[in-house]
Amino acid sequence: MIHTPYLLFLGDAPDRLAAKVAQGIKDWRPELAVGQLRLPGCNADMGLADLSIEHAVSRGAKTLVIGIANRGGFIPDHWKAVLSDALAAGLDIASGLHTLLSDDLVLVGDAQRYGRTLHDVRVPVESYPIANGKKRGGKRCLLIGTDCSVGKMYTALCLEREMRQRGMKASFRATGQTGILITGSGVPLDAVVADFMAGSIEHLTPENEADHWDIIEGQGSIFHPSYSGVSLALIHGGQPDAMIMCDEPNRSHMRGLPDYQAQSFERLRDTALVLARVVNPDCTVTGVALNTSAMDEQEALDYAAGIEDRLGLPTVDPFRHGAARLVDALS
């Protein structure tokens, strides 16, 4: 168990998007965050109190959470003194990075010395089967993206919240480190051995009641050369009945790849449906979710209306304007 509340470590994140783990916790579980710890040069700000380790401990913090998802998932050397100080002050550490805390001998030694725990959220905690593609009961909605980090997790959580408010049976299924830290369970999909990725999603979304919806957090994009493998595993393992396309408008290129332009909604819809109908011939695309955080209110509404007119699908920013119309399209 990861003990709460958290001190969110932002390090020297170059921008807000790089601190998306911290942002997700702050937005969805604000009661778990006592404050943030930033290093010089940090360009991310969660709007929380800037605390020293000692001050955070005095406020009741139990775990320092590394709130950054950097490209490659590594722990820079200049963070390690801060992490050691956190252990010495009585904090556990939780990380969703690919570089494991448990592989760092200094941190392991410090944790043992001070009786603290290192939590590597991205390490699978169970063995998964190879996918079999068999039809299973229940309904599933998968969030798919034009790119990485466009709001797939936020959309999934918004859908689950709206469904539960209506009295519908719905479960958010986390597939990344932030979702796991928010909900306490899930599959760290990009750390699962490739042969078992689709099987892990079958395991995550098992047979269920006919009117129960699993809302599956998407990862990456089928068009992103770096991460398309996890996206396809989600499509085939999730066996979705519905998919909702997610996008952050006005990106100049795919995240981390300046030579690759984002693909159109039309191409995403058509390509994803071909792949999804391998395992569920009845799968449909039912809506579009936008991350309009960089737009003013009227610009966001006008942009969504234009996409809706073009595609004939309900189009909203679910975090800003609610997910009701997206849920209506599923019902």
C-alpha atoms as a PDB file:
ATOM      1  CA  MET A   1       0.000   0.000   0.000  1.00  0.00           C
ATOM      2  CA  ILE A   2       1.211   3.511  -0.864  1.00  0.00           C
ATOM      3  CA  HIS A   3       0.623   5.719   2.160  1.00  0.00           C
ATOM      4  CA  THR A   4      -1.048   9.092   1.708  1.00  0.00           C
ATOM      5  CA  PRO A   5      -0.985  12.086   1.685  1.00  0.00           C
ATOM      6  CA  TYR A   6       1.624  12.888  -0.926  1.00  0.00           C
ATOM      7  CA  LEU A   7       4.304  15.491  -1.506  1.00  0.00           C
ATOM      8  CA  LEU A   8       4.387  15.904  -5.284  1.00  0.00           C
ATOM      9  CA  PHE A   9       7.943  16.177  -6.616  1.00  0.00           C
ATOM     10  CA  LEU A  10       8.089  18.213  -9.856  1.00  0.00           C
ATOM     11  CA  GLY A  11      11.880  18.293 -10.145  1.00  0.00           C
ATOM     12  CA  ASP A  12      12.950  20.617 -12.948  1.00  0.00           C
ATOM     13  CA  ALA A  13      10.090  19.703 -15.302  1.00  0.00           C
ATOM     14  CA  PRO A  14      10.442  21.751 -18.514  1.00  0.00           C
ATOM     15  CA  ASP A  15       6.693  22.311 -18.833  1.00  0.00           C
ATOM     16  CA  ARG A  16       3.355  21.441 -17.282  1.00  0.00           C
ATOM     17  CA  LEU A  17       2.798  18.488 -19.583  1.00  0.00           C
ATOM     18  CA  ALA A  18       6.002  16.852 -18.349  1.00  0.00           C
ATOM     19  CA  ALA A  19       4.491  16.892 -14.836  1.00  0.00           C
ATOM     20  CA  LYS A  20       1.314  15.120 -15.921  1.00  0.00           C
ATOM     21  CA  VAL A  21       1.518  12.564 -13.108  1.00  0.00           C
ATOM     22  CA  ALA A  22       1.388  15.332 -10.516  1.00  0.00           C
ATOM     23  CA  GLN A  23      -1.284  17.154 -12.487  1.00  0.00           C
ATOM     24  CA  GLY A  24      -3.489  14.080 -12.584  1.00  0.00           C
ATOM     25  CA  ILE A  25      -3.226  13.542  -8.829  1.00  0.00           C
ATOM     26  CA  LYS A  26      -3.879  17.218  -8.120  1.00  0.00           C
ATOM     27  CA  ASP A  27      -6.930  17.337 -10.391  1.00  0.00           C
ATOM     28  CA  TRP A  28      -8.516  14.019  -9.402  1.00  0.00           C
ATOM     29  CA  ARG A  29      -7.355  13.419  -5.830  1.00  0.00           C
ATOM     30  CA  PRO A  30      -6.503  16.915  -4.511  1.00  0.00           C
ATOM     31  CA  GLU A  31      -7.124  15.782  -0.944  1.00  0.00           C
ATOM     32  CA  LEU A  32      -4.076  13.506  -1.247  1.00  0.00           C
ATOM     33  CA  ALA A  33      -1.573  16.283  -2.046  1.00  0.00           C
ATOM     34  CA  VAL A  34      -0.205  18.456   0.767  1.00  0.00           C
ATOM     35  CA  GLY A  35       2.063  20.427  -1.559  1.00  0.00           C
ATOM     36  CA  GLN A  36       4.707  20.396  -4.262  1.00  0.00           C
ATOM     37  CA  LEU A  37       8.510  20.352  -4.295  1.00  0.00           C
ATOM     38  CA  ARG A  38      10.222  22.084  -7.228  1.00  0.00           C
ATOM     39  CA  LEU A  39      13.870  22.427  -8.180  1.00  0.00           C
ATOM     40  CA  PRO A  40      15.430  25.516  -9.800  1.00  0.00           C
ATOM     41  CA  GLY A  41      14.402  25.737 -13.453  1.00  0.00           C
ATOM     42  CA  CYS A  42      11.078  23.980 -12.980  1.00  0.00           C
ATOM     43  CA  ASN A  43       8.464  25.372 -15.380  1.00  0.00           C
ATOM     44  CA  ALA A  44       5.547  23.351 -14.000  1.00  0.00           C
ATOM     45  CA  ASP A  45       3.253  24.542 -11.228  1.00  0.00           C
ATOM     46  CA  MET A  46       0.293  22.645  -9.801  1.00  0.00           C
ATOM     47  CA  GLY A  47      -0.909  25.691  -7.875  1.00  0.00           C
ATOM     48  CA  LEU A  48      -0.073  23.931  -4.608  1.00  0.00           C
ATOM     49  CA  ALA A  49       2.042  25.213  -1.743  1.00  0.00           C
ATOM     50  CA  ASP A  50       5.770  25.007  -2.432  1.00  0.00           C
ATOM     51  CA  LEU A  51       7.123  23.001   0.489  1.00  0.00           C
ATOM     52  CA  SER A  52      10.465  21.771   1.678  1.00  0.00           C
ATOM     53  CA  ILE A  53      10.688  18.122   2.628  1.00  0.00           C
ATOM     54  CA  GLU A  54      10.707  19.020   6.317  1.00  0.00           C
ATOM     55  CA  HIS A  55       7.692  21.303   5.976  1.00  0.00           C
ATOM     56  CA  ALA A  56       5.791  18.612   4.032  1.00  0.00           C
ATOM     57  CA  VAL A  57       6.490  16.064   6.767  1.00  0.00           C
ATOM     58  CA  SER A  58       5.227  18.513   9.381  1.00  0.00           C
ATOM     59  CA  ARG A  59       2.007  18.783   7.371  1.00  0.00           C
ATOM     60  CA  GLY A  60       1.551  15.041   7.447  1.00  0.00           C
ATOM     61  CA  ALA A  61       3.025  13.917   4.119  1.00  0.00           C
ATOM     62  CA  LYS A  62       3.815  10.204   4.051  1.00  0.00           C
ATOM     63  CA  THR A  63       5.075   9.616   0.500  1.00  0.00           C
ATOM     64  CA  LEU A  64       7.039  11.672  -1.989  1.00  0.00           C
ATOM     65  CA  VAL A  65       5.573  10.959  -5.425  1.00  0.00           C
ATOM     66  CA  ILE A  66       7.731  11.614  -8.457  1.00  0.00           C
ATOM     67  CA  GLY A  67       5.183  13.595 -10.456  1.00  0.00           C
ATOM     68  CA  ILE A  68       7.049  13.652 -13.757  1.00  0.00           C
ATOM     69  CA  ALA A  69       6.686  11.469 -16.841  1.00  0.00           C
ATOM     70  CA  ASN A  70       9.779  12.328 -18.861  1.00  0.00           C
ATOM     71  CA  ARG A  71      10.714  10.837 -22.212  1.00  0.00           C
ATOM     72  CA  GLY A  72      12.456   7.529 -21.489  1.00  0.00           C
ATOM     73  CA  GLY A  73      11.254   7.438 -17.891  1.00  0.00           C
ATOM     74  CA  PHE A  74      14.631   7.984 -16.216  1.00  0.00           C
ATOM     75  CA  ILE A  75      15.733   9.450 -12.882  1.00  0.00           C
ATOM     76  CA  PRO A  76      18.354  12.193 -13.430  1.00  0.00           C
ATOM     77  CA  ASP A  77      21.359  12.064 -11.150  1.00  0.00           C
ATOM     78  CA  HIS A  78      20.682  15.527  -9.720  1.00  0.00           C
ATOM     79  CA  TRP A  79      17.340  14.344  -8.299  1.00  0.00           C
ATOM     80  CA  LYS A  80      18.885  11.619  -6.205  1.00  0.00           C
ATOM     81  CA  ALA A  81      20.091  13.804  -3.324  1.00  0.00           C
ATOM     82  CA  VAL A  82      16.515  15.058  -2.922  1.00  0.00           C
ATOM     83  CA  LEU A  83      15.193  11.500  -2.902  1.00  0.00           C
ATOM     84  CA  SER A  84      17.741  10.450  -0.280  1.00  0.00           C
ATOM     85  CA  ASP A  85      16.799  13.468   1.837  1.00  0.00           C
ATOM     86  CA  ALA A  86      13.140  12.479   1.604  1.00  0.00           C
ATOM     87  CA  LEU A  87      13.893   8.979   2.885  1.00  0.00           C
ATOM     88  CA  ALA A  88      15.991  10.365   5.731  1.00  0.00           C
ATOM     89  CA  ALA A  89      13.127  12.679   6.712  1.00  0.00           C
ATOM     90  CA  GLY A  90      10.714   9.765   6.978  1.00  0.00           C
ATOM     91  CA  LEU A  91       8.988   9.738   3.606  1.00  0.00           C
ATOM     92  CA  ASP A  92       8.421   6.732   1.383  1.00  0.00           C
ATOM     93  CA  ILE A  93       8.939   7.304  -2.371  1.00  0.00           C
ATOM     94  CA  ALA A  94       6.630   6.300  -5.212  1.00  0.00           C
ATOM     95  CA  SER A  95       7.654   6.445  -8.856  1.00  0.00           C
ATOM     96  CA  GLY A  96       6.088   5.474 -12.134  1.00  0.00           C
ATOM     97  CA  LEU A  97       9.271   5.942 -14.161  1.00  0.00           C
ATOM     98  CA  HIS A  98      10.908   3.175 -16.169  1.00  0.00           C
ATOM     99  CA  THR A  99      14.136   3.587 -14.179  1.00  0.00           C
ATOM    100  CA  LEU A 100      13.340   1.684 -11.023  1.00  0.00           C
ATOM    101  CA  LEU A 101      13.964   3.020  -7.557  1.00  0.00           C
ATOM    102  CA  SER A 102      14.737  -0.536  -6.489  1.00  0.00           C
ATOM    103  CA  ASP A 103      17.643  -0.707  -8.962  1.00  0.00           C
ATOM    104  CA  ASP A 104      19.446   2.233  -7.329  1.00  0.00           C
ATOM    105  CA  LEU A 105      21.711   0.791  -4.632  1.00  0.00           C
ATOM    106  CA  VAL A 106      22.065   4.102  -2.787  1.00  0.00           C
ATOM    107  CA  LEU A 107      18.306   4.611  -2.549  1.00  0.00           C
ATOM    108  CA  VAL A 108      17.761   0.990  -1.559  1.00  0.00           C
ATOM    109  CA  GLY A 109      20.382   1.363   1.179  1.00  0.00           C
ATOM    110  CA  ASP A 110      18.827   4.607   2.408  1.00  0.00           C
ATOM    111  CA  ALA A 111      15.351   3.047   2.469  1.00  0.00           C
ATOM    112  CA  GLN A 112      16.653   0.157   4.560  1.00  0.00           C
ATOM    113  CA  ARG A 113      18.556   2.470   6.880  1.00  0.00           C
ATOM    114  CA  TYR A 114      15.554   4.671   7.609  1.00  0.00           C
ATOM    115  CA  GLY A 115      12.875   1.985   7.457  1.00  0.00           C
ATOM    116  CA  ARG A 116      11.157   3.468   4.420  1.00  0.00           C
ATOM    117  CA  THR A 117       9.546   1.855   1.342  1.00  0.00           C
ATOM    118  CA  LEU A 118      10.286   2.371  -2.350  1.00  0.00           C
ATOM    119  CA  HIS A 119       7.228   1.907  -4.584  1.00  0.00           C
ATOM    120  CA  ASP A 120       7.877   1.239  -8.286  1.00  0.00           C
ATOM    121  CA  VAL A 121       4.371   1.678  -9.683  1.00  0.00           C
ATOM    122  CA  ARG A 122       5.423   0.631 -13.164  1.00  0.00           C
ATOM    123  CA  VAL A 123       6.410  -2.879 -12.100  1.00  0.00           C
ATOM    124  CA  PRO A 124       3.648  -5.421 -12.839  1.00  0.00           C
ATOM    125  CA  VAL A 125       2.541  -7.084  -9.627  1.00  0.00           C
ATOM    126  CA  GLU A 126       1.140 -10.238 -11.217  1.00  0.00           C
ATOM    127  CA  SER A 127       1.634 -12.531 -14.201  1.00  0.00           C
ATOM    128  CA  TYR A 128      -0.646 -12.031 -17.184  1.00  0.00           C
ATOM    129  CA  PRO A 129      -1.909 -14.538 -19.753  1.00  0.00           C
ATOM    130  CA  ILE A 130      -1.458 -14.379 -23.488  1.00  0.00           C
ATOM    131  CA  ALA A 131      -4.565 -12.860 -25.069  1.00  0.00           C
ATOM    132  CA  ASN A 132      -7.081 -15.280 -26.568  1.00  0.00           C
ATOM    133  CA  GLY A 133      -9.528 -12.837 -28.171  1.00  0.00           C
ATOM    134  CA  LYS A 134     -12.579 -14.678 -26.830  1.00  0.00           C
ATOM    135  CA  LYS A 135     -15.779 -12.646 -26.575  1.00  0.00           C
ATOM    136  CA  ARG A 136     -16.638 -11.766 -22.970  1.00  0.00           C
ATOM    137  CA  GLY A 137     -19.687 -10.227 -21.370  1.00  0.00           C
ATOM    138  CA  GLY A 138     -20.042  -6.600 -20.390  1.00  0.00           C
ATOM    139  CA  LYS A 139     -19.338  -3.417 -22.357  1.00  0.00           C
ATOM    140  CA  ARG A 140     -16.077  -1.615 -22.926  1.00  0.00           C
ATOM    141  CA  CYS A 141     -15.159   1.875 -24.057  1.00  0.00           C
ATOM    142  CA  LEU A 142     -11.569   2.630 -25.053  1.00  0.00           C
ATOM    143  CA  LEU A 143     -10.065   6.096 -25.299  1.00  0.00           C
ATOM    144  CA  ILE A 144      -7.837   6.495 -28.366  1.00  0.00           C
ATOM    145  CA  GLY A 145      -5.642   9.471 -29.192  1.00  0.00           C
ATOM    146  CA  THR A 146      -4.280  11.449 -32.093  1.00  0.00           C
ATOM    147  CA  ASP A 147      -1.071  11.655 -30.027  1.00  0.00           C
ATOM    148  CA  CYS A 148       0.381  11.005 -26.575  1.00  0.00           C
ATOM    149  CA  SER A 149      -0.713  13.086 -23.586  1.00  0.00           C
ATOM    150  CA  VAL A 150      -3.880  14.507 -25.116  1.00  0.00           C
ATOM    151  CA  GLY A 151      -6.318  13.740 -22.289  1.00  0.00           C
ATOM    152  CA  LYS A 152      -7.234  10.063 -22.592  1.00  0.00           C
ATOM    153  CA  MET A 153      -7.011   9.408 -18.846  1.00  0.00           C
ATOM    154  CA  TYR A 154      -8.930  12.579 -17.972  1.00  0.00           C
ATOM    155  CA  THR A 155     -11.665  11.666 -20.441  1.00  0.00           C
ATOM    156  CA  ALA A 156     -11.946   8.156 -18.991  1.00  0.00           C
ATOM    157  CA  LEU A 157     -12.254   9.509 -15.454  1.00  0.00           C
ATOM    158  CA  CYS A 158     -14.834  12.081 -16.570  1.00  0.00           C
ATOM    159  CA  LEU A 159     -16.874   9.327 -18.226  1.00  0.00           C
ATOM    160  CA  GLU A 160     -16.760   7.149 -15.128  1.00  0.00           C
ATOM    161  CA  ARG A 161     -17.824  10.048 -12.902  1.00  0.00           C
ATOM    162  CA  GLU A 162     -20.760  10.964 -15.151  1.00  0.00           C
ATOM    163  CA  MET A 163     -21.892   7.356 -15.435  1.00  0.00           C
ATOM    164  CA  ARG A 164     -21.777   6.780 -11.689  1.00  0.00           C
ATOM    165  CA  GLN A 165     -23.701   9.995 -11.064  1.00  0.00           C
ATOM    166  CA  ARG A 166     -26.409   8.544 -13.307  1.00  0.00           C
ATOM    167  CA  GLY A 167     -26.425   5.286 -11.374  1.00  0.00           C
ATOM    168  CA  MET A 168     -24.803   3.354 -14.217  1.00  0.00           C
ATOM    169  CA  LYS A 169     -22.370   0.501 -13.601  1.00  0.00           C
ATOM    170  CA  ALA A 170     -18.941   1.741 -14.660  1.00  0.00           C
ATOM    171  CA  SER A 171     -15.294   1.134 -13.757  1.00  0.00           C
ATOM    172  CA  PHE A 172     -12.274   3.194 -14.757  1.00  0.00           C
ATOM    173  CA  ARG A 173      -9.497   0.815 -15.779  1.00  0.00           C
ATOM    174  CA  ALA A 174      -6.068   2.388 -15.298  1.00  0.00           C
ATOM    175  CA  THR A 175      -3.292   1.401 -17.695  1.00  0.00           C
ATOM    176  CA  GLY A 176      -0.574   3.889 -16.712  1.00  0.00           C
ATOM    177  CA  GLN A 177       1.257   5.067 -13.640  1.00  0.00           C
ATOM    178  CA  THR A 178      -0.843   8.171 -12.987  1.00  0.00           C
ATOM    179  CA  GLY A 179      -4.126   6.286 -13.159  1.00  0.00           C
ATOM    180  CA  ILE A 180      -2.750   3.620 -10.844  1.00  0.00           C
ATOM    181  CA  LEU A 181      -1.650   6.265  -8.309  1.00  0.00           C
ATOM    182  CA  ILE A 182      -5.097   7.892  -8.511  1.00  0.00           C
ATOM    183  CA  THR A 183      -7.197   4.737  -8.197  1.00  0.00           C
ATOM    184  CA  GLY A 184      -4.852   2.315  -6.445  1.00  0.00           C
ATOM    185  CA  SER A 185      -4.985  -0.432  -9.069  1.00  0.00           C
ATOM    186  CA  GLY A 186      -4.490  -1.157 -12.779  1.00  0.00           C
ATOM    187  CA  VAL A 187      -1.965  -2.477 -15.275  1.00  0.00           C
ATOM    188  CA  PRO A 188       1.310  -0.598 -15.973  1.00  0.00           C
ATOM    189  CA  LEU A 189       0.941  -1.563 -19.620  1.00  0.00           C
ATOM    190  CA  ASP A 190       4.145  -0.170 -21.069  1.00  0.00           C
ATOM    191  CA  ALA A 191       6.130  -2.279 -18.581  1.00  0.00           C
ATOM    192  CA  VAL A 192       4.427  -5.553 -19.521  1.00  0.00           C
ATOM    193  CA  VAL A 193       6.390  -7.969 -21.750  1.00  0.00           C
ATOM    194  CA  ALA A 194       5.134  -7.526 -25.314  1.00  0.00           C
ATOM    195  CA  ASP A 195       3.631 -11.001 -25.732  1.00  0.00           C
ATOM    196  CA  PHE A 196       1.427 -10.429 -22.684  1.00  0.00           C
ATOM    197  CA  MET A 197       0.270  -6.833 -23.224  1.00  0.00           C
ATOM    198  CA  ALA A 198      -3.060  -7.649 -24.869  1.00  0.00           C
ATOM    199  CA  GLY A 199      -3.603 -10.440 -22.352  1.00  0.00           C
ATOM    200  CA  SER A 200      -3.071  -8.036 -19.466  1.00  0.00           C
ATOM    201  CA  ILE A 201      -5.905  -5.866 -20.795  1.00  0.00           C
ATOM    202  CA  GLU A 202      -8.181  -8.891 -21.165  1.00  0.00           C
ATOM    203  CA  HIS A 203      -7.334  -9.631 -17.522  1.00  0.00           C
ATOM    204  CA  LEU A 204      -8.033  -6.017 -16.522  1.00  0.00           C
ATOM    205  CA  THR A 205     -11.451  -5.993 -18.238  1.00  0.00           C
ATOM    206  CA  PRO A 206     -12.921  -9.425 -17.491  1.00  0.00           C
ATOM    207  CA  GLU A 207     -16.362 -10.927 -18.044  1.00  0.00           C
ATOM    208  CA  ASN A 208     -18.951  -8.685 -16.451  1.00  0.00           C
ATOM    209  CA  GLU A 209     -22.657  -7.908 -16.253  1.00  0.00           C
ATOM    210  CA  ALA A 210     -24.284  -7.031 -19.561  1.00  0.00           C
ATOM    211  CA  ASP A 211     -24.951  -3.409 -18.535  1.00  0.00           C
ATOM    212  CA  HIS A 212     -21.540  -2.769 -16.947  1.00  0.00           C
ATOM    213  CA  TRP A 213     -19.084  -0.454 -18.721  1.00  0.00           C
ATOM    214  CA  ASP A 214     -15.319  -0.738 -18.376  1.00  0.00           C
ATOM    215  CA  ILE A 215     -13.809   2.635 -19.289  1.00  0.00           C
ATOM    216  CA  ILE A 216     -10.301   1.797 -20.475  1.00  0.00           C
ATOM    217  CA  GLU A 217      -7.585   4.424 -20.209  1.00  0.00           C
ATOM    218  CA  GLY A 218      -5.811   4.752 -23.547  1.00  0.00           C
ATOM    219  CA  GLN A 219      -2.056   5.036 -24.057  1.00  0.00           C
ATOM    220  CA  GLY A 220       0.024   6.559 -26.841  1.00  0.00           C
ATOM    221  CA  SER A 221      -1.388   6.595 -30.352  1.00  0.00           C
ATOM    222  CA  ILE A 222      -1.508   4.049 -33.136  1.00  0.00           C
ATOM    223  CA  PHE A 223       0.233   6.696 -35.269  1.00  0.00           C
ATOM    224  CA  HIS A 224       3.059   7.448 -32.819  1.00  0.00           C
ATOM    225  CA  PRO A 225       6.178   5.508 -33.927  1.00  0.00           C
ATOM    226  CA  SER A 226       7.462   5.298 -30.349  1.00  0.00           C
ATOM    227  CA  TYR A 227       4.337   4.018 -28.588  1.00  0.00           C
ATOM    228  CA  SER A 228       1.994   2.446 -31.125  1.00  0.00           C
ATOM    229  CA  GLY A 229       2.591  -1.037 -29.679  1.00  0.00           C
ATOM    230  CA  VAL A 230       0.795  -0.273 -26.420  1.00  0.00           C
ATOM    231  CA  SER A 231      -2.044   1.378 -28.346  1.00  0.00           C
ATOM    232  CA  LEU A 232      -2.664  -1.730 -30.439  1.00  0.00           C
ATOM    233  CA  ALA A 233      -2.498  -3.985 -27.371  1.00  0.00           C
ATOM    234  CA  LEU A 234      -5.244  -1.889 -25.802  1.00  0.00           C
ATOM    235  CA  ILE A 235      -7.419  -2.183 -28.893  1.00  0.00           C
ATOM    236  CA  HIS A 236      -7.077  -5.949 -29.218  1.00  0.00           C
ATOM    237  CA  GLY A 237      -7.004  -6.763 -25.509  1.00  0.00           C
ATOM    238  CA  GLY A 238      -9.788  -4.317 -24.671  1.00  0.00           C
ATOM    239  CA  GLN A 239     -12.108  -5.639 -27.371  1.00  0.00           C
ATOM    240  CA  PRO A 240     -13.998  -2.302 -27.243  1.00  0.00           C
ATOM    241  CA  ASP A 241     -17.651  -1.867 -28.099  1.00  0.00           C
ATOM    242  CA  ALA A 242     -17.043   1.880 -28.412  1.00  0.00           C
ATOM    243  CA  MET A 243     -14.053   4.152 -28.891  1.00  0.00           C
ATOM    244  CA  ILE A 244     -13.832   7.878 -28.196  1.00  0.00           C
ATOM    245  CA  MET A 245     -11.169   9.898 -29.984  1.00  0.00           C
ATOM    246  CA  CYS A 246      -9.072  12.310 -27.909  1.00  0.00           C
ATOM    247  CA  ASP A 247      -7.072  15.297 -29.096  1.00  0.00           C
ATOM    248  CA  GLU A 248      -5.304  18.440 -27.929  1.00  0.00           C
ATOM    249  CA  PRO A 249      -5.866  21.044 -30.664  1.00  0.00           C
ATOM    250  CA  ASN A 250      -3.130  23.007 -32.396  1.00  0.00           C
ATOM    251  CA  ARG A 251      -0.144  20.758 -31.727  1.00  0.00           C
ATOM    252  CA  SER A 252       2.530  21.440 -34.315  1.00  0.00           C
ATOM    253  CA  HIS A 253       3.820  17.852 -34.278  1.00  0.00           C
ATOM    254  CA  MET A 254       3.554  14.573 -32.395  1.00  0.00           C
ATOM    255  CA  ARG A 255       4.995  14.746 -28.898  1.00  0.00           C
ATOM    256  CA  GLY A 256       8.748  14.260 -28.955  1.00  0.00           C
ATOM    257  CA  LEU A 257       8.841  13.743 -32.744  1.00  0.00           C
ATOM    258  CA  PRO A 258       9.157  17.036 -34.671  1.00  0.00           C
ATOM    259  CA  ASP A 259       9.233  15.215 -38.021  1.00  0.00           C
ATOM    260  CA  TYR A 260       5.821  13.575 -37.502  1.00  0.00           C
ATOM    261  CA  GLN A 261       2.605  15.528 -37.878  1.00  0.00           C
ATOM    262  CA  ALA A 262      -0.557  14.592 -35.992  1.00  0.00           C
ATOM    263  CA  GLN A 263      -3.073  12.617 -38.042  1.00  0.00           C
ATOM    264  CA  SER A 264      -6.636  13.692 -38.756  1.00  0.00           C
ATOM    265  CA  PHE A 265      -9.664  12.471 -36.824  1.00  0.00           C
ATOM    266  CA  GLU A 266     -10.904  10.823 -39.988  1.00  0.00           C
ATOM    267  CA  ARG A 267      -7.759   8.770 -40.401  1.00  0.00           C
ATOM    268  CA  LEU A 268      -7.682   7.859 -36.703  1.00  0.00           C
ATOM    269  CA  ARG A 269     -11.337   6.758 -36.822  1.00  0.00           C
ATOM    270  CA  ASP A 270     -10.965   4.687 -39.955  1.00  0.00           C
ATOM    271  CA  THR A 271      -7.673   3.039 -38.990  1.00  0.00           C
ATOM    272  CA  ALA A 272      -8.686   2.293 -35.411  1.00  0.00           C
ATOM    273  CA  LEU A 273     -11.977   0.755 -36.504  1.00  0.00           C
ATOM    274  CA  VAL A 274     -10.220  -1.646 -38.878  1.00  0.00           C
ATOM    275  CA  LEU A 275      -7.998  -2.791 -35.994  1.00  0.00           C
ATOM    276  CA  ALA A 276     -10.777  -2.953 -33.404  1.00  0.00           C
ATOM    277  CA  ARG A 277     -13.116  -4.933 -35.638  1.00  0.00           C
ATOM    278  CA  VAL A 278     -10.571  -7.738 -35.737  1.00  0.00           C
ATOM    279  CA  VAL A 279     -11.748  -8.601 -32.192  1.00  0.00           C
ATOM    280  CA  ASN A 280     -15.185  -6.947 -32.135  1.00  0.00           C
ATOM    281  CA  PRO A 281     -16.928  -6.516 -35.504  1.00  0.00           C
ATOM    282  CA  ASP A 282     -19.572  -4.297 -33.870  1.00  0.00           C
ATOM    283  CA  CYS A 283     -17.161  -1.675 -32.508  1.00  0.00           C
ATOM    284  CA  THR A 284     -18.030   1.953 -33.321  1.00  0.00           C
ATOM    285  CA  VAL A 285     -16.506   5.392 -32.716  1.00  0.00           C
ATOM    286  CA  THR A 286     -19.035   7.344 -30.666  1.00  0.00           C
ATOM    287  CA  GLY A 287     -17.519  10.736 -29.854  1.00  0.00           C
ATOM    288  CA  VAL A 288     -14.608  13.159 -29.634  1.00  0.00           C
ATOM    289  CA  ALA A 289     -12.995  14.486 -26.453  1.00  0.00           C
ATOM    290  CA  LEU A 290     -10.858  17.613 -26.638  1.00  0.00           C
ATOM    291  CA  ASN A 291      -8.290  19.050 -24.247  1.00  0.00           C
ATOM    292  CA  THR A 292      -8.951  22.772 -24.723  1.00  0.00           C
ATOM    293  CA  SER A 293      -6.973  23.968 -21.700  1.00  0.00           C
ATOM    294  CA  ALA A 294      -4.927  26.308 -23.918  1.00  0.00           C
ATOM    295  CA  MET A 295      -8.062  27.974 -25.374  1.00  0.00           C
ATOM    296  CA  ASP A 296     -10.418  30.583 -23.968  1.00  0.00           C
ATOM    297  CA  GLU A 297     -14.052  29.627 -23.417  1.00  0.00           C
ATOM    298  CA  GLN A 298     -15.527  30.825 -26.708  1.00  0.00           C
ATOM    299  CA  GLU A 299     -12.605  29.518 -28.758  1.00  0.00           C
ATOM    300  CA  ALA A 300     -13.038  26.095 -27.140  1.00  0.00           C
ATOM    301  CA  LEU A 301     -16.780  26.004 -27.851  1.00  0.00           C
ATOM    302  CA  ASP A 302     -16.337  27.149 -31.447  1.00  0.00           C
ATOM    303  CA  TYR A 303     -13.580  24.626 -32.111  1.00  0.00           C
ATOM    304  CA  ALA A 304     -15.632  21.756 -30.685  1.00  0.00           C
ATOM    305  CA  ALA A 305     -18.645  22.792 -32.754  1.00  0.00           C
ATOM    306  CA  GLY A 306     -16.544  22.770 -35.909  1.00  0.00           C
ATOM    307  CA  ILE A 307     -15.261  19.247 -35.237  1.00  0.00           C
ATOM    308  CA  GLU A 308     -18.785  18.063 -34.449  1.00  0.00           C
ATOM    309  CA  ASP A 309     -20.159  19.506 -37.694  1.00  0.00           C
ATOM    310  CA  ARG A 310     -17.325  17.878 -39.636  1.00  0.00           C
ATOM    311  CA  LEU A 311     -17.574  14.403 -38.101  1.00  0.00           C
ATOM    312  CA  GLY A 312     -21.186  14.160 -36.999  1.00  0.00           C
ATOM    313  CA  LEU A 313     -20.053  13.025 -33.519  1.00  0.00           C
ATOM    314  CA  PRO A 314     -20.651  14.671 -30.138  1.00  0.00           C
ATOM    315  CA  THR A 315     -17.531  16.726 -29.402  1.00  0.00           C
ATOM    316  CA  VAL A 316     -16.754  18.255 -26.003  1.00  0.00           C
ATOM    317  CA  ASP A 317     -14.000  19.022 -23.555  1.00  0.00           C
ATOM    318  CA  PRO A 318     -15.216  16.606 -20.843  1.00  0.00           C
ATOM    319  CA  PHE A 319     -13.066  18.061 -18.068  1.00  0.00           C
ATOM    320  CA  ARG A 320     -14.172  21.612 -18.832  1.00  0.00           C
ATOM    321  CA  HIS A 321     -17.773  21.109 -19.936  1.00  0.00           C
ATOM    322  CA  GLY A 322     -18.699  17.663 -18.640  1.00  0.00           C
ATOM    323  CA  ALA A 323     -18.980  14.239 -20.249  1.00  0.00           C
ATOM    324  CA  ALA A 324     -22.790  14.029 -20.414  1.00  0.00           C
ATOM    325  CA  ARG A 325     -23.032  14.078 -24.200  1.00  0.00           C
ATOM    326  CA  LEU A 326     -20.310  11.457 -24.547  1.00  0.00           C
ATOM    327  CA  VAL A 327     -22.170   9.199 -22.130  1.00  0.00           C
ATOM    328  CA  ASP A 328     -25.436   9.847 -23.967  1.00  0.00           C
ATOM    329  CA  ALA A 329     -23.811   8.501 -27.125  1.00  0.00           C
ATOM    330  CA  LEU A 330     -22.837   5.280 -25.281  1.00  0.00           C
ATOM    331  CA  SER A 331     -26.208   4.685 -23.612  1.00  0.00           C
END
